[in-house]
Amino acid sequence: MRWIVLAALPLAGCVTPAVTSATPAGGIVSSYGWQPNKSLELADAHCRKHGKRARVSSQNDLQNNMTFDCV
């Protein structure tokens, strides 16, 4: 059992944030976890396509996602 836990530890940091649902008005970044700055950068990059900036509207630690508005 100890080997399974040790083998899974390196995989815990392999999840990277990604914009999974988005419109010109905002969207959702999934797997934001330990990288909130990276998540905001991704959201901001999406909003800049529409001439706007990203503003975090909520963070859900249980679902591991962040929603944002393009303003």
C-alpha atoms as a PDB file:
ATOM      1  CA  MET A   1       0.000   0.000   0.000  1.00  0.00           C
ATOM      2  CA  ARG A   2       2.829   2.390   0.811  1.00  0.00           C
ATOM      3  CA  TRP A   3       4.255   1.978  -2.707  1.00  0.00           C
ATOM      4  CA  ILE A   4       0.972   3.002  -4.323  1.00  0.00           C
ATOM      5  CA  VAL A   5       0.861   6.241  -2.352  1.00  0.00           C
ATOM      6  CA  LEU A   6       4.499   7.035  -3.114  1.00  0.00           C
ATOM      7  CA  ALA A   7       4.009   6.291  -6.805  1.00  0.00           C
ATOM      8  CA  ALA A   8       0.969   8.599  -6.993  1.00  0.00           C
ATOM      9  CA  LEU A   9       2.642  11.620  -5.359  1.00  0.00           C
ATOM     10  CA  PRO A  10       4.466  12.839  -8.493  1.00  0.00           C
ATOM     11  CA  LEU A  11       1.188  12.694 -10.427  1.00  0.00           C
ATOM     12  CA  ALA A  12      -0.532  15.044  -7.991  1.00  0.00           C
ATOM     13  CA  GLY A  13       1.248  18.066  -9.472  1.00  0.00           C
ATOM     14  CA  CYS A  14       0.688  17.117 -13.108  1.00  0.00           C
ATOM     15  CA  VAL A  15      -2.757  18.677 -13.459  1.00  0.00           C
ATOM     16  CA  THR A  16      -2.565  22.015 -15.209  1.00  0.00           C
ATOM     17  CA  PRO A  17      -5.295  24.632 -15.351  1.00  0.00           C
ATOM     18  CA  ALA A  18      -7.292  24.986 -18.575  1.00  0.00           C
ATOM     19  CA  VAL A  19     -10.153  27.161 -19.803  1.00  0.00           C
ATOM     20  CA  THR A  20     -12.890  24.573 -20.272  1.00  0.00           C
ATOM     21  CA  SER A  21     -15.939  26.730 -20.911  1.00  0.00           C
ATOM     22  CA  ALA A  22     -15.851  30.287 -22.185  1.00  0.00           C
ATOM     23  CA  THR A  23     -17.832  33.002 -23.924  1.00  0.00           C
ATOM     24  CA  PRO A  24     -16.952  36.634 -24.653  1.00  0.00           C
ATOM     25  CA  ALA A  25     -18.562  37.461 -21.278  1.00  0.00           C
ATOM     26  CA  GLY A  26     -16.466  35.035 -19.173  1.00  0.00           C
ATOM     27  CA  GLY A  27     -15.888  31.387 -18.437  1.00  0.00           C
ATOM     28  CA  ILE A  28     -14.529  28.618 -16.233  1.00  0.00           C
ATOM     29  CA  VAL A  29     -10.953  27.525 -15.580  1.00  0.00           C
ATOM     30  CA  SER A  30     -10.818  23.887 -14.447  1.00  0.00           C
ATOM     31  CA  SER A  31      -8.076  22.373 -12.305  1.00  0.00           C
ATOM     32  CA  TYR A  32      -6.926  25.729 -11.003  1.00  0.00           C
ATOM     33  CA  GLY A  33      -5.769  24.043  -7.771  1.00  0.00           C
ATOM     34  CA  TRP A  34      -2.331  25.165  -6.663  1.00  0.00           C
ATOM     35  CA  GLN A  35      -1.811  27.527  -9.588  1.00  0.00           C
ATOM     36  CA  PRO A  36      -4.228  30.453  -9.167  1.00  0.00           C
ATOM     37  CA  ASN A  37      -1.864  32.888 -10.916  1.00  0.00           C
ATOM     38  CA  LYS A  38      -1.606  30.610 -13.963  1.00  0.00           C
ATOM     39  CA  SER A  39      -5.396  30.268 -13.982  1.00  0.00           C
ATOM     40  CA  LEU A  40      -5.852  34.035 -13.986  1.00  0.00           C
ATOM     41  CA  GLU A  41      -3.302  34.343 -16.819  1.00  0.00           C
ATOM     42  CA  LEU A  42      -5.319  31.855 -18.897  1.00  0.00           C
ATOM     43  CA  ALA A  43      -8.554  33.696 -18.169  1.00  0.00           C
ATOM     44  CA  ASP A  44      -6.934  37.023 -19.015  1.00  0.00           C
ATOM     45  CA  ALA A  45      -5.588  35.638 -22.301  1.00  0.00           C
ATOM     46  CA  HIS A  46      -9.100  34.534 -23.239  1.00  0.00           C
ATOM     47  CA  CYS A  47     -10.624  37.917 -22.374  1.00  0.00           C
ATOM     48  CA  ARG A  48      -7.951  39.843 -24.273  1.00  0.00           C
ATOM     49  CA  LYS A  49      -9.180  38.163 -27.470  1.00  0.00           C
ATOM     50  CA  HIS A  50     -12.336  40.219 -26.925  1.00  0.00           C
ATOM     51  CA  GLY A  51     -10.565  43.427 -25.872  1.00  0.00           C
ATOM     52  CA  LYS A  52     -11.305  42.915 -22.176  1.00  0.00           C
ATOM     53  CA  ARG A  53      -9.581  41.870 -18.937  1.00  0.00           C
ATOM     54  CA  ALA A  54     -10.429  38.941 -16.667  1.00  0.00           C
ATOM     55  CA  ARG A  55     -11.927  39.411 -13.213  1.00  0.00           C
ATOM     56  CA  VAL A  56     -12.300  36.396 -10.906  1.00  0.00           C
ATOM     57  CA  SER A  57     -15.950  35.987  -9.932  1.00  0.00           C
ATOM     58  CA  SER A  58     -15.621  32.828  -7.800  1.00  0.00           C
ATOM     59  CA  GLN A  59     -13.271  30.055  -6.775  1.00  0.00           C
ATOM     60  CA  ASN A  60     -14.622  26.631  -5.856  1.00  0.00           C
ATOM     61  CA  ASP A  61     -12.040  24.528  -4.052  1.00  0.00           C
ATOM     62  CA  LEU A  62     -14.309  21.479  -3.865  1.00  0.00           C
ATOM     63  CA  GLN A  63     -14.867  21.399  -7.625  1.00  0.00           C
ATOM     64  CA  ASN A  64     -11.344  22.712  -8.290  1.00  0.00           C
ATOM     65  CA  ASN A  65     -12.463  25.442 -10.663  1.00  0.00           C
ATOM     66  CA  MET A  66     -12.520  29.195 -10.954  1.00  0.00           C
ATOM     67  CA  THR A  67     -15.097  31.288 -12.798  1.00  0.00           C
ATOM     68  CA  PHE A  68     -14.257  34.622 -14.346  1.00  0.00           C
ATOM     69  CA  ASP A  69     -15.921  37.565 -16.036  1.00  0.00           C
ATOM     70  CA  CYS A  70     -14.472  39.508 -18.935  1.00  0.00           C
ATOM     71  CA  VAL A  71     -14.792  43.213 -18.098  1.00  0.00           C
END
